[in-house]
């Protein structure tokens, strides 16, 4: 590697988090509004530039806290976005992350030094986004849908114990389609994603529901 080669200069790394929740059966994503150029006034996904003395995961956690006040989110790295023109400032690779959380368990900052607003948006009603974040968001949704049946990626959405109807509703929201309840339960149990905890949830005036947990 020749460090004097101009083709190596003026490059950086972005970290970009698509943070999802399910709210009243609707899949939502967390967006922040930029206060500075480029894309001043535009909504974007959570993220920013990586310092040269930190890992990309450390950068993701720092950017998330600085721009939202949110901490301790479980996330997965899922892809790299490398279009040379994705940032107008210089060549910036983007490391994409996916996170899922219960929005009712955490408070967030509506405004910071670099953001003018923040809020949850239904994924089918997202405004025009800055950078290539519409592409990154769609890729994150696709990743979530692909892995929803082979991991406990939704674990952070639920308390320790939950009912099958609660889980079923979340899966339908994310996949955007109806699922047969009997086959749904059978599949998750066979794939060892959830297990029956041997307890019942008592609902006033309703038949008690079995409680489950992620394995």
N, C-alpha and C. Protein backbone atom coordinates (compact mmCIF):
# COMPACT_ATOMS: atom_id res chain seq x y z
N UNK A 1 0.84 -1.20 0.00
CA UNK A 1 0.00 0.00 0.00
C UNK A 1 0.88 1.24 0.00
N UNK A 2 0.72 2.06 -0.99
CA UNK A 2 1.48 3.30 -1.12
C UNK A 2 0.66 4.45 -0.53
N UNK A 3 1.04 4.90 0.66
CA UNK A 3 0.28 5.94 1.34
C UNK A 3 0.27 7.27 0.59
N UNK A 4 1.18 7.43 -0.37
CA UNK A 4 1.22 8.67 -1.15
C UNK A 4 0.27 8.62 -2.35
N UNK A 5 -0.31 7.47 -2.62
CA UNK A 5 -1.25 7.35 -3.72
C UNK A 5 -2.50 8.16 -3.40
N UNK A 6 -2.86 9.15 -4.23
CA UNK A 6 -4.03 10.00 -3.93
C UNK A 6 -5.35 9.23 -3.86
N UNK A 7 -5.39 8.04 -4.46
CA UNK A 7 -6.63 7.26 -4.43
C UNK A 7 -6.92 6.68 -3.04
N UNK A 8 -5.93 6.74 -2.14
CA UNK A 8 -6.15 6.28 -0.77
C UNK A 8 -6.59 7.40 0.17
N UNK A 9 -6.52 8.63 -0.27
CA UNK A 9 -6.75 9.78 0.62
C UNK A 9 -8.23 10.16 0.68
N UNK A 10 -8.53 10.94 1.73
CA UNK A 10 -9.88 11.51 1.90
C UNK A 10 -10.98 10.45 1.93
N UNK A 11 -10.76 9.46 2.76
CA UNK A 11 -11.78 8.44 2.96
C UNK A 11 -12.13 8.34 4.45
N UNK A 12 -13.34 7.90 4.71
CA UNK A 12 -13.76 7.74 6.09
C UNK A 12 -14.80 6.64 6.22
N UNK A 13 -15.32 6.48 7.42
CA UNK A 13 -16.30 5.42 7.71
C UNK A 13 -17.50 6.01 8.44
N UNK A 14 -18.67 5.75 7.93
CA UNK A 14 -19.91 6.06 8.63
C UNK A 14 -20.42 4.80 9.33
N UNK A 15 -21.06 4.97 10.46
CA UNK A 15 -21.82 3.90 11.11
C UNK A 15 -23.28 4.32 11.09
N UNK A 16 -24.17 3.43 10.65
CA UNK A 16 -25.58 3.79 10.45
C UNK A 16 -26.46 2.71 11.07
N UNK A 17 -27.31 3.13 12.00
CA UNK A 17 -28.18 2.19 12.72
C UNK A 17 -29.64 2.36 12.32
N UNK A 18 -30.25 1.27 11.86
CA UNK A 18 -31.70 1.23 11.67
C UNK A 18 -32.28 0.63 12.95
N UNK A 19 -32.86 1.48 13.78
CA UNK A 19 -33.39 1.06 15.08
C UNK A 19 -34.91 0.92 14.98
N UNK A 20 -35.41 -0.29 15.19
CA UNK A 20 -36.83 -0.59 15.00
C UNK A 20 -37.55 -0.84 16.32
N UNK A 21 -38.86 -0.65 16.27
CA UNK A 21 -39.74 -1.07 17.35
C UNK A 21 -41.06 -1.50 16.73
N UNK A 22 -41.90 -2.18 17.50
CA UNK A 22 -43.26 -2.48 17.09
C UNK A 22 -44.18 -1.77 18.06
N UNK A 23 -45.03 -0.89 17.52
CA UNK A 23 -45.91 -0.05 18.33
C UNK A 23 -47.35 -0.25 17.86
N UNK A 24 -48.18 -0.84 18.73
CA UNK A 24 -49.57 -1.13 18.39
C UNK A 24 -49.67 -1.90 17.07
N UNK A 25 -48.80 -2.88 16.91
CA UNK A 25 -48.83 -3.73 15.74
C UNK A 25 -48.22 -3.13 14.49
N UNK A 26 -47.56 -1.96 14.61
CA UNK A 26 -46.95 -1.31 13.46
C UNK A 26 -45.43 -1.27 13.63
N UNK A 27 -44.71 -1.63 12.57
CA UNK A 27 -43.25 -1.56 12.59
C UNK A 27 -42.82 -0.12 12.38
N UNK A 28 -41.98 0.38 13.30
CA UNK A 28 -41.51 1.76 13.23
C UNK A 28 -39.98 1.80 13.28
N UNK A 29 -39.42 2.87 12.73
CA UNK A 29 -37.98 3.09 12.74
C UNK A 29 -37.70 4.46 13.36
N UNK A 30 -36.58 4.56 14.06
CA UNK A 30 -36.20 5.81 14.73
C UNK A 30 -35.37 6.67 13.78
N UNK A 31 -35.79 7.93 13.62
CA UNK A 31 -35.08 8.87 12.75
C UNK A 31 -34.67 10.12 13.52
N UNK A 32 -33.58 10.73 13.08
CA UNK A 32 -33.13 12.01 13.63
C UNK A 32 -33.05 13.03 12.50
N UNK A 33 -33.24 14.30 12.84
CA UNK A 33 -33.20 15.37 11.83
C UNK A 33 -31.88 16.12 11.95
N UNK A 34 -31.17 16.21 10.82
CA UNK A 34 -29.87 16.87 10.82
C UNK A 34 -30.00 18.37 11.05
N UNK A 35 -29.08 18.91 11.86
CA UNK A 35 -29.05 20.34 12.12
C UNK A 35 -27.99 21.04 11.26
N UNK A 36 -27.03 20.25 10.75
CA UNK A 36 -25.91 20.82 10.00
C UNK A 36 -25.85 20.25 8.59
N UNK A 37 -25.09 20.94 7.73
CA UNK A 37 -24.83 20.41 6.39
C UNK A 37 -23.81 19.27 6.48
N UNK A 38 -23.81 18.34 5.54
CA UNK A 38 -24.76 18.24 4.42
C UNK A 38 -26.11 17.68 4.86
N UNK A 39 -27.09 17.89 4.02
CA UNK A 39 -28.45 17.41 4.26
C UNK A 39 -29.08 18.07 5.49
N UNK A 40 -28.77 19.33 5.70
CA UNK A 40 -29.37 20.08 6.81
C UNK A 40 -30.89 20.06 6.70
N UNK A 41 -31.55 19.75 7.81
CA UNK A 41 -33.01 19.71 7.83
C UNK A 41 -33.60 18.40 7.36
N UNK A 42 -32.78 17.47 6.90
CA UNK A 42 -33.26 16.17 6.43
C UNK A 42 -33.30 15.16 7.57
N UNK A 43 -34.26 14.25 7.50
CA UNK A 43 -34.31 13.12 8.42
C UNK A 43 -33.33 12.05 7.95
N UNK A 44 -32.67 11.40 8.88
CA UNK A 44 -31.74 10.32 8.57
C UNK A 44 -31.84 9.25 9.66
N UNK A 45 -31.23 8.11 9.40
CA UNK A 45 -31.08 7.08 10.42
C UNK A 45 -30.03 7.52 11.43
N UNK A 46 -29.99 6.87 12.58
CA UNK A 46 -29.00 7.20 13.60
C UNK A 46 -27.60 6.86 13.08
N UNK A 47 -26.66 7.77 13.27
CA UNK A 47 -25.30 7.44 12.86
C UNK A 47 -24.40 8.65 12.74
N UNK A 48 -23.18 8.39 12.26
CA UNK A 48 -22.19 9.45 12.10
C UNK A 48 -20.86 8.84 11.72
N UNK A 49 -19.82 9.65 11.81
CA UNK A 49 -18.49 9.22 11.37
C UNK A 49 -17.71 8.56 12.49
N UNK A 50 -16.93 7.58 12.12
CA UNK A 50 -16.08 6.82 13.05
C UNK A 50 -14.77 7.56 13.26
N UNK A 51 -14.36 7.73 14.52
CA UNK A 51 -13.04 8.31 14.81
C UNK A 51 -11.96 7.29 14.44
N UNK A 52 -10.75 7.79 14.18
CA UNK A 52 -9.67 6.87 13.78
C UNK A 52 -9.03 6.14 14.96
N UNK A 53 -9.55 6.35 16.17
CA UNK A 53 -9.01 5.64 17.33
C UNK A 53 -10.06 4.75 18.00
N UNK A 54 -11.13 4.38 17.25
CA UNK A 54 -12.18 3.55 17.83
C UNK A 54 -12.65 2.51 16.82
N UNK A 55 -13.20 1.43 17.34
CA UNK A 55 -13.79 0.42 16.47
C UNK A 55 -15.12 0.93 15.93
N UNK A 56 -15.63 0.27 14.91
CA UNK A 56 -16.91 0.70 14.37
C UNK A 56 -18.03 0.47 15.39
N UNK A 57 -17.95 -0.59 16.18
CA UNK A 57 -18.98 -0.83 17.20
C UNK A 57 -18.96 0.26 18.27
N UNK A 58 -17.75 0.66 18.67
CA UNK A 58 -17.63 1.75 19.65
C UNK A 58 -18.17 3.05 19.06
N UNK A 59 -17.89 3.28 17.79
CA UNK A 59 -18.41 4.48 17.13
C UNK A 59 -19.93 4.47 17.09
N UNK A 60 -20.52 3.30 16.83
CA UNK A 60 -21.97 3.19 16.78
C UNK A 60 -22.59 3.52 18.12
N UNK A 61 -22.03 3.00 19.17
CA UNK A 61 -22.56 3.26 20.51
C UNK A 61 -22.41 4.73 20.89
N UNK A 62 -21.25 5.32 20.54
CA UNK A 62 -21.03 6.74 20.84
C UNK A 62 -22.00 7.62 20.07
N UNK A 63 -22.13 7.37 18.77
CA UNK A 63 -23.03 8.19 17.95
C UNK A 63 -24.48 8.06 18.41
N UNK A 64 -24.88 6.87 18.75
CA UNK A 64 -26.25 6.65 19.22
C UNK A 64 -26.51 7.45 20.50
N UNK A 65 -25.56 7.42 21.43
CA UNK A 65 -25.75 8.15 22.68
C UNK A 65 -25.69 9.67 22.46
N UNK A 66 -24.74 10.13 21.66
CA UNK A 66 -24.59 11.57 21.43
C UNK A 66 -25.81 12.17 20.73
N UNK A 67 -26.42 11.43 19.83
CA UNK A 67 -27.49 11.99 19.00
C UNK A 67 -28.90 11.59 19.42
N UNK A 68 -29.00 10.65 20.39
CA UNK A 68 -30.33 10.25 20.85
C UNK A 68 -30.43 10.12 22.37
N UNK A 69 -29.30 9.95 23.05
CA UNK A 69 -29.33 9.69 24.48
C UNK A 69 -29.62 8.24 24.80
N UNK A 70 -29.80 7.40 23.78
CA UNK A 70 -30.14 5.99 23.98
C UNK A 70 -28.87 5.17 24.16
N UNK A 71 -28.91 4.22 25.07
CA UNK A 71 -27.79 3.32 25.33
C UNK A 71 -28.28 1.88 25.43
N UNK A 72 -27.31 0.97 25.41
CA UNK A 72 -27.56 -0.45 25.69
C UNK A 72 -28.60 -1.08 24.77
N UNK A 73 -28.46 -0.80 23.49
CA UNK A 73 -29.32 -1.42 22.49
C UNK A 73 -28.60 -2.63 21.90
N UNK A 74 -29.31 -3.74 21.78
CA UNK A 74 -28.74 -4.90 21.12
C UNK A 74 -28.82 -4.67 19.61
N UNK A 75 -27.68 -4.83 18.93
CA UNK A 75 -27.67 -4.58 17.49
C UNK A 75 -26.79 -5.61 16.78
N UNK A 76 -27.01 -5.73 15.47
CA UNK A 76 -26.23 -6.61 14.62
C UNK A 76 -25.66 -5.80 13.46
N UNK A 77 -24.39 -6.03 13.13
CA UNK A 77 -23.84 -5.50 11.88
C UNK A 77 -24.37 -6.35 10.75
N UNK A 78 -24.85 -5.75 9.68
CA UNK A 78 -25.45 -6.58 8.64
C UNK A 78 -24.96 -6.32 7.23
N UNK A 79 -24.34 -5.18 6.93
CA UNK A 79 -23.88 -4.94 5.57
C UNK A 79 -22.97 -3.72 5.52
N UNK A 80 -22.29 -3.55 4.38
CA UNK A 80 -21.46 -2.38 4.11
C UNK A 80 -21.97 -1.73 2.84
N UNK A 81 -22.07 -0.41 2.86
CA UNK A 81 -22.57 0.35 1.72
C UNK A 81 -21.42 1.22 1.20
N UNK A 82 -21.03 0.99 -0.05
CA UNK A 82 -19.75 1.53 -0.52
C UNK A 82 -19.83 2.38 -1.77
N UNK A 83 -21.00 2.88 -2.12
CA UNK A 83 -21.08 3.79 -3.27
C UNK A 83 -20.13 4.96 -3.04
N UNK A 84 -19.20 5.21 -3.97
CA UNK A 84 -18.21 6.28 -3.77
C UNK A 84 -18.83 7.66 -3.58
N UNK A 85 -20.06 7.86 -4.06
CA UNK A 85 -20.70 9.18 -4.01
C UNK A 85 -21.76 9.29 -2.92
N UNK A 86 -21.79 8.37 -1.97
CA UNK A 86 -22.88 8.39 -0.99
C UNK A 86 -22.80 9.58 -0.04
N UNK A 87 -21.63 10.20 0.10
CA UNK A 87 -21.48 11.42 0.90
C UNK A 87 -20.88 12.51 0.01
N UNK A 88 -21.39 13.75 0.09
CA UNK A 88 -20.83 14.83 -0.72
C UNK A 88 -19.52 15.38 -0.18
N UNK A 89 -19.10 14.99 1.01
CA UNK A 89 -17.88 15.53 1.62
C UNK A 89 -16.63 14.80 1.17
N UNK A 90 -16.67 13.47 1.22
CA UNK A 90 -15.55 12.65 0.79
C UNK A 90 -16.02 11.22 0.69
N UNK A 91 -15.15 10.34 0.27
CA UNK A 91 -15.52 8.92 0.17
C UNK A 91 -15.76 8.37 1.58
N UNK A 92 -17.00 7.93 1.84
CA UNK A 92 -17.36 7.41 3.16
C UNK A 92 -18.04 6.06 3.00
N UNK A 93 -17.36 5.01 3.45
CA UNK A 93 -18.02 3.72 3.56
C UNK A 93 -19.04 3.77 4.70
N UNK A 94 -20.11 3.03 4.59
CA UNK A 94 -21.09 2.97 5.68
C UNK A 94 -21.23 1.54 6.17
N UNK A 95 -21.05 1.35 7.46
CA UNK A 95 -21.30 0.05 8.09
C UNK A 95 -22.72 0.08 8.64
N UNK A 96 -23.57 -0.82 8.13
CA UNK A 96 -24.97 -0.82 8.53
C UNK A 96 -25.24 -1.72 9.72
N UNK A 97 -26.08 -1.23 10.62
CA UNK A 97 -26.48 -1.97 11.82
C UNK A 97 -28.00 -2.06 11.88
N UNK A 98 -28.48 -3.13 12.52
CA UNK A 98 -29.90 -3.31 12.81
C UNK A 98 -30.06 -3.48 14.31
N UNK A 99 -31.00 -2.74 14.90
CA UNK A 99 -31.32 -2.89 16.31
C UNK A 99 -32.83 -2.91 16.52
N UNK A 100 -33.27 -3.60 17.58
CA UNK A 100 -34.69 -3.68 17.91
C UNK A 100 -34.85 -3.38 19.39
N UNK A 101 -35.86 -2.57 19.75
CA UNK A 101 -36.05 -2.22 21.15
C UNK A 101 -37.52 -1.93 21.42
N UNK A 102 -37.89 -2.02 22.68
CA UNK A 102 -39.21 -1.61 23.15
C UNK A 102 -39.14 -0.11 23.41
N UNK A 103 -39.84 0.68 22.61
CA UNK A 103 -39.72 2.13 22.71
C UNK A 103 -40.27 2.68 24.03
N UNK A 104 -41.08 1.89 24.72
CA UNK A 104 -41.66 2.35 25.98
C UNK A 104 -40.71 2.19 27.17
N UNK A 105 -39.57 1.54 26.94
CA UNK A 105 -38.63 1.31 28.04
C UNK A 105 -37.50 2.33 28.09
N UNK A 106 -37.48 3.27 27.18
CA UNK A 106 -36.35 4.19 27.11
C UNK A 106 -36.82 5.58 26.72
N UNK A 107 -36.13 6.58 27.26
CA UNK A 107 -36.37 7.96 26.87
C UNK A 107 -35.28 8.38 25.89
N UNK A 108 -35.59 9.32 25.02
CA UNK A 108 -34.61 9.78 24.06
C UNK A 108 -34.62 11.30 23.97
N UNK A 109 -33.54 11.86 23.43
CA UNK A 109 -33.40 13.30 23.28
C UNK A 109 -34.06 13.76 21.99
N UNK A 110 -34.89 14.78 22.08
CA UNK A 110 -35.52 15.33 20.88
C UNK A 110 -34.57 16.22 20.10
N UNK A 111 -33.57 16.78 20.79
CA UNK A 111 -32.63 17.69 20.12
C UNK A 111 -31.26 17.60 20.79
N UNK A 112 -30.21 17.67 19.98
CA UNK A 112 -28.83 17.67 20.49
C UNK A 112 -28.05 18.72 19.72
N UNK A 113 -26.75 18.78 19.95
CA UNK A 113 -25.91 19.76 19.26
C UNK A 113 -25.94 19.58 17.75
N UNK A 114 -26.17 18.33 17.29
CA UNK A 114 -26.13 18.06 15.85
C UNK A 114 -27.47 17.63 15.27
N UNK A 115 -28.49 17.52 16.12
CA UNK A 115 -29.81 17.11 15.63
C UNK A 115 -30.88 18.09 16.07
N UNK A 116 -31.86 18.31 15.19
CA UNK A 116 -32.92 19.26 15.49
C UNK A 116 -34.20 18.61 15.93
N UNK A 117 -34.30 17.30 15.78
CA UNK A 117 -35.52 16.60 16.17
C UNK A 117 -35.23 15.09 16.12
N UNK A 118 -36.13 14.31 16.71
CA UNK A 118 -36.01 12.85 16.69
C UNK A 118 -37.39 12.26 16.96
N UNK A 119 -37.69 11.15 16.27
CA UNK A 119 -39.01 10.55 16.48
C UNK A 119 -39.06 9.17 15.81
N UNK A 120 -40.13 8.44 16.17
CA UNK A 120 -40.40 7.13 15.55
C UNK A 120 -41.34 7.33 14.37
N UNK A 121 -41.07 6.64 13.26
CA UNK A 121 -41.89 6.72 12.06
C UNK A 121 -42.28 5.32 11.62
N UNK A 122 -43.53 5.16 11.19
CA UNK A 122 -43.92 3.90 10.57
C UNK A 122 -43.09 3.71 9.30
N UNK A 123 -42.62 2.49 9.07
CA UNK A 123 -41.68 2.27 7.97
C UNK A 123 -42.30 2.54 6.60
N UNK A 124 -43.63 2.51 6.50
CA UNK A 124 -44.27 2.80 5.22
C UNK A 124 -44.66 4.27 5.10
N UNK A 125 -44.24 5.09 6.08
CA UNK A 125 -44.52 6.54 6.03
C UNK A 125 -43.27 7.34 6.38
N UNK A 126 -42.13 6.86 5.94
CA UNK A 126 -40.86 7.54 6.21
C UNK A 126 -40.69 8.70 5.24
N UNK A 127 -40.28 9.87 5.72
CA UNK A 127 -40.04 10.99 4.81
C UNK A 127 -38.79 10.74 3.97
N UNK A 128 -38.54 11.60 3.00
CA UNK A 128 -37.33 11.49 2.19
C UNK A 128 -36.11 11.64 3.09
N UNK A 129 -35.16 10.72 2.98
CA UNK A 129 -34.00 10.68 3.88
C UNK A 129 -32.75 11.20 3.20
N UNK A 130 -31.83 11.75 4.01
CA UNK A 130 -30.55 12.20 3.50
C UNK A 130 -29.61 11.04 3.24
N UNK A 131 -28.49 11.34 2.59
CA UNK A 131 -27.50 10.34 2.20
C UNK A 131 -28.20 9.23 1.39
N UNK A 132 -27.75 8.01 1.59
CA UNK A 132 -28.38 6.84 0.94
C UNK A 132 -29.19 6.06 1.97
N UNK A 133 -29.75 6.76 2.95
CA UNK A 133 -30.37 6.08 4.08
C UNK A 133 -31.67 5.38 3.72
N UNK A 134 -32.31 5.77 2.62
CA UNK A 134 -33.49 5.01 2.18
C UNK A 134 -33.07 3.61 1.73
N UNK A 135 -31.95 3.53 1.02
CA UNK A 135 -31.41 2.24 0.59
C UNK A 135 -31.00 1.41 1.80
N UNK A 136 -30.33 2.04 2.77
CA UNK A 136 -29.88 1.32 3.96
C UNK A 136 -31.07 0.83 4.77
N UNK A 137 -32.09 1.67 4.92
CA UNK A 137 -33.28 1.29 5.67
C UNK A 137 -33.97 0.08 5.03
N UNK A 138 -34.12 0.10 3.72
CA UNK A 138 -34.78 -1.03 3.06
C UNK A 138 -33.96 -2.31 3.23
N UNK A 139 -32.64 -2.18 3.14
CA UNK A 139 -31.78 -3.35 3.34
C UNK A 139 -31.92 -3.87 4.77
N UNK A 140 -32.07 -2.97 5.74
CA UNK A 140 -32.23 -3.37 7.14
C UNK A 140 -33.56 -4.08 7.35
N UNK A 141 -34.62 -3.59 6.72
CA UNK A 141 -35.93 -4.24 6.82
C UNK A 141 -35.85 -5.64 6.23
N UNK A 142 -35.20 -5.75 5.08
CA UNK A 142 -35.04 -7.07 4.44
C UNK A 142 -34.26 -8.02 5.35
N UNK A 143 -33.20 -7.51 5.98
CA UNK A 143 -32.40 -8.33 6.89
C UNK A 143 -33.26 -8.81 8.06
N UNK A 144 -34.05 -7.90 8.62
CA UNK A 144 -34.90 -8.25 9.75
C UNK A 144 -35.89 -9.34 9.37
N UNK A 145 -36.47 -9.22 8.19
CA UNK A 145 -37.44 -10.21 7.75
C UNK A 145 -36.81 -11.56 7.47
N UNK A 146 -35.59 -11.56 6.92
CA UNK A 146 -34.91 -12.81 6.61
C UNK A 146 -34.54 -13.58 7.88
N UNK A 147 -34.11 -12.84 8.91
CA UNK A 147 -33.58 -13.49 10.11
C UNK A 147 -34.59 -13.62 11.25
N UNK A 148 -35.80 -13.19 11.02
CA UNK A 148 -36.78 -13.18 12.11
C UNK A 148 -37.14 -14.59 12.57
N UNK A 149 -36.98 -15.59 11.70
CA UNK A 149 -37.32 -16.95 12.07
C UNK A 149 -36.11 -17.81 12.41
N UNK A 150 -34.91 -17.25 12.42
CA UNK A 150 -33.75 -18.07 12.79
C UNK A 150 -32.91 -17.44 13.89
N UNK A 151 -33.50 -16.48 14.63
CA UNK A 151 -32.76 -15.85 15.72
C UNK A 151 -33.73 -15.27 16.74
N UNK A 152 -33.18 -14.79 17.85
CA UNK A 152 -34.00 -14.13 18.87
C UNK A 152 -33.87 -12.61 18.72
N UNK A 153 -33.80 -12.14 17.48
CA UNK A 153 -33.56 -10.72 17.20
C UNK A 153 -34.64 -9.82 17.82
N UNK A 154 -35.83 -10.37 18.06
CA UNK A 154 -36.91 -9.57 18.63
C UNK A 154 -36.94 -9.61 20.16
N UNK A 155 -35.97 -10.23 20.76
CA UNK A 155 -35.97 -10.43 22.21
C UNK A 155 -36.14 -9.13 22.98
N UNK A 156 -35.51 -8.05 22.50
CA UNK A 156 -35.56 -6.78 23.23
C UNK A 156 -36.92 -6.12 23.18
N UNK A 157 -37.82 -6.62 22.34
CA UNK A 157 -39.16 -6.05 22.26
C UNK A 157 -40.06 -6.49 23.40
N UNK A 158 -39.71 -7.58 24.05
CA UNK A 158 -40.62 -8.22 24.98
C UNK A 158 -40.05 -8.34 26.39
N UNK A 159 -40.92 -8.44 27.38
CA UNK A 159 -40.45 -8.76 28.73
C UNK A 159 -39.93 -10.18 28.75
N UNK A 160 -39.47 -10.64 29.91
CA UNK A 160 -38.90 -11.99 30.01
C UNK A 160 -39.90 -13.05 29.56
N UNK A 161 -41.16 -12.90 29.95
CA UNK A 161 -42.22 -13.84 29.57
C UNK A 161 -43.27 -13.10 28.74
N UNK A 162 -43.83 -13.76 27.74
CA UNK A 162 -44.81 -13.13 26.87
C UNK A 162 -45.77 -14.20 26.36
N UNK A 163 -46.89 -13.75 25.82
CA UNK A 163 -47.86 -14.67 25.26
C UNK A 163 -47.63 -14.84 23.76
N UNK A 164 -48.12 -15.93 23.23
CA UNK A 164 -47.97 -16.20 21.80
C UNK A 164 -48.69 -15.16 20.95
N UNK A 165 -49.90 -14.72 21.31
CA UNK A 165 -50.56 -13.68 20.50
C UNK A 165 -49.73 -12.39 20.40
N UNK A 166 -49.04 -12.02 21.49
CA UNK A 166 -48.19 -10.83 21.45
C UNK A 166 -47.06 -10.99 20.44
N UNK A 167 -46.42 -12.15 20.48
CA UNK A 167 -45.31 -12.42 19.57
C UNK A 167 -45.80 -12.54 18.13
N UNK A 168 -46.92 -13.20 17.96
CA UNK A 168 -47.51 -13.40 16.64
C UNK A 168 -47.80 -12.05 15.97
N UNK A 169 -48.34 -11.11 16.72
CA UNK A 169 -48.68 -9.79 16.21
C UNK A 169 -47.42 -9.04 15.76
N UNK A 170 -46.34 -9.17 16.51
CA UNK A 170 -45.08 -8.49 16.16
C UNK A 170 -44.50 -9.07 14.88
N UNK A 171 -44.52 -10.39 14.75
CA UNK A 171 -44.00 -11.03 13.54
C UNK A 171 -44.80 -10.61 12.31
N UNK A 172 -46.12 -10.58 12.43
CA UNK A 172 -46.96 -10.17 11.31
C UNK A 172 -46.67 -8.73 10.90
N UNK A 173 -46.45 -7.87 11.89
CA UNK A 173 -46.15 -6.47 11.60
C UNK A 173 -44.86 -6.33 10.81
N UNK A 174 -43.84 -7.04 11.23
CA UNK A 174 -42.53 -6.92 10.57
C UNK A 174 -42.54 -7.56 9.19
N UNK A 175 -43.19 -8.70 9.06
CA UNK A 175 -43.23 -9.40 7.77
C UNK A 175 -44.24 -8.79 6.81
N UNK A 176 -45.19 -8.03 7.36
CA UNK A 176 -46.19 -7.39 6.51
C UNK A 176 -47.18 -8.36 5.90
N UNK A 177 -47.46 -9.47 6.60
CA UNK A 177 -48.41 -10.44 6.09
C UNK A 177 -48.98 -11.25 7.25
N UNK A 178 -50.10 -11.91 7.00
CA UNK A 178 -50.74 -12.75 8.00
C UNK A 178 -50.02 -14.10 8.10
N UNK A 179 -49.95 -14.62 9.33
CA UNK A 179 -49.32 -15.91 9.58
C UNK A 179 -50.32 -16.83 10.29
N UNK A 180 -50.38 -18.06 9.85
CA UNK A 180 -51.23 -19.04 10.52
C UNK A 180 -50.70 -19.27 11.93
N UNK A 181 -51.56 -19.07 12.93
CA UNK A 181 -51.11 -19.11 14.32
C UNK A 181 -50.57 -20.47 14.73
N UNK A 182 -51.20 -21.54 14.30
CA UNK A 182 -50.76 -22.88 14.69
C UNK A 182 -49.39 -23.19 14.09
N UNK A 183 -49.22 -22.91 12.80
CA UNK A 183 -47.93 -23.16 12.15
C UNK A 183 -46.83 -22.26 12.70
N UNK A 184 -47.23 -21.04 13.05
CA UNK A 184 -46.28 -20.08 13.62
C UNK A 184 -45.70 -20.62 14.93
N UNK A 185 -46.57 -21.07 15.84
CA UNK A 185 -46.12 -21.62 17.12
C UNK A 185 -45.24 -22.84 16.90
N UNK A 186 -45.69 -23.73 16.02
CA UNK A 186 -44.95 -24.98 15.76
C UNK A 186 -43.56 -24.68 15.23
N UNK A 187 -43.45 -23.72 14.32
CA UNK A 187 -42.16 -23.40 13.72
C UNK A 187 -41.18 -22.85 14.74
N UNK A 188 -41.63 -21.91 15.58
CA UNK A 188 -40.73 -21.32 16.57
C UNK A 188 -40.29 -22.33 17.62
N UNK A 189 -41.17 -23.23 18.00
CA UNK A 189 -40.81 -24.26 18.97
C UNK A 189 -39.85 -25.28 18.36
N UNK A 190 -40.10 -25.68 17.14
CA UNK A 190 -39.23 -26.66 16.48
C UNK A 190 -37.84 -26.10 16.24
N UNK A 191 -37.76 -24.80 15.95
CA UNK A 191 -36.46 -24.18 15.69
C UNK A 191 -35.78 -23.72 16.98
N UNK A 192 -36.40 -24.04 18.12
CA UNK A 192 -35.81 -23.77 19.43
C UNK A 192 -35.56 -22.27 19.64
N UNK A 193 -36.48 -21.44 19.15
CA UNK A 193 -36.39 -19.99 19.34
C UNK A 193 -37.13 -19.58 20.61
N UNK A 194 -38.28 -20.22 20.87
CA UNK A 194 -39.04 -19.95 22.09
C UNK A 194 -39.33 -21.26 22.80
N UNK A 195 -39.71 -21.15 24.07
CA UNK A 195 -40.10 -22.34 24.83
C UNK A 195 -41.22 -21.98 25.81
N UNK A 196 -42.06 -22.95 26.09
CA UNK A 196 -43.14 -22.82 27.06
C UNK A 196 -42.53 -22.82 28.46
N UNK A 197 -42.87 -21.80 29.28
CA UNK A 197 -42.27 -21.72 30.62
C UNK A 197 -43.14 -22.40 31.67
N UNK A 198 -44.27 -22.94 31.26
CA UNK A 198 -45.12 -23.66 32.21
C UNK A 198 -45.93 -22.76 33.11
N UNK A 199 -46.12 -21.52 32.71
CA UNK A 199 -46.91 -20.57 33.48
C UNK A 199 -48.03 -20.02 32.62
N UNK A 200 -49.04 -19.44 33.27
CA UNK A 200 -50.17 -18.87 32.56
C UNK A 200 -50.33 -17.41 32.92
N UNK A 201 -50.73 -16.61 31.94
CA UNK A 201 -51.04 -15.21 32.20
C UNK A 201 -52.55 -15.10 32.43
N UNK A 202 -52.92 -14.56 33.58
CA UNK A 202 -54.33 -14.41 33.92
C UNK A 202 -54.84 -13.08 33.38
N UNK A 203 -55.83 -13.15 32.49
CA UNK A 203 -56.47 -11.96 31.95
C UNK A 203 -57.91 -11.90 32.43
N UNK A 204 -58.28 -10.79 33.04
CA UNK A 204 -59.63 -10.67 33.58
C UNK A 204 -60.67 -10.88 32.47
N UNK A 205 -61.58 -11.83 32.72
CA UNK A 205 -62.66 -12.08 31.77
C UNK A 205 -62.24 -12.86 30.54
N UNK A 206 -60.99 -13.30 30.47
CA UNK A 206 -60.52 -14.04 29.31
C UNK A 206 -59.88 -15.35 29.74
N UNK A 207 -59.81 -16.27 28.80
CA UNK A 207 -59.15 -17.53 29.07
C UNK A 207 -57.67 -17.30 29.31
N UNK A 208 -57.07 -17.91 30.35
CA UNK A 208 -55.64 -17.73 30.62
C UNK A 208 -54.79 -18.12 29.41
N UNK A 209 -53.70 -17.38 29.19
CA UNK A 209 -52.82 -17.63 28.04
C UNK A 209 -51.49 -18.19 28.53
N UNK A 210 -50.97 -19.17 27.78
CA UNK A 210 -49.65 -19.72 28.09
C UNK A 210 -48.57 -18.65 27.93
N UNK A 211 -47.55 -18.73 28.79
CA UNK A 211 -46.43 -17.81 28.69
C UNK A 211 -45.22 -18.52 28.08
N UNK A 212 -44.50 -17.78 27.27
CA UNK A 212 -43.30 -18.29 26.59
C UNK A 212 -42.12 -17.37 26.88
N UNK A 213 -40.93 -17.84 26.51
CA UNK A 213 -39.74 -17.00 26.60
C UNK A 213 -38.80 -17.40 25.45
N UNK A 214 -37.89 -16.49 25.09
CA UNK A 214 -36.87 -16.83 24.09
C UNK A 214 -35.85 -17.76 24.71
N UNK A 215 -35.45 -18.76 23.95
CA UNK A 215 -34.48 -19.74 24.43
C UNK A 215 -33.10 -19.08 24.50
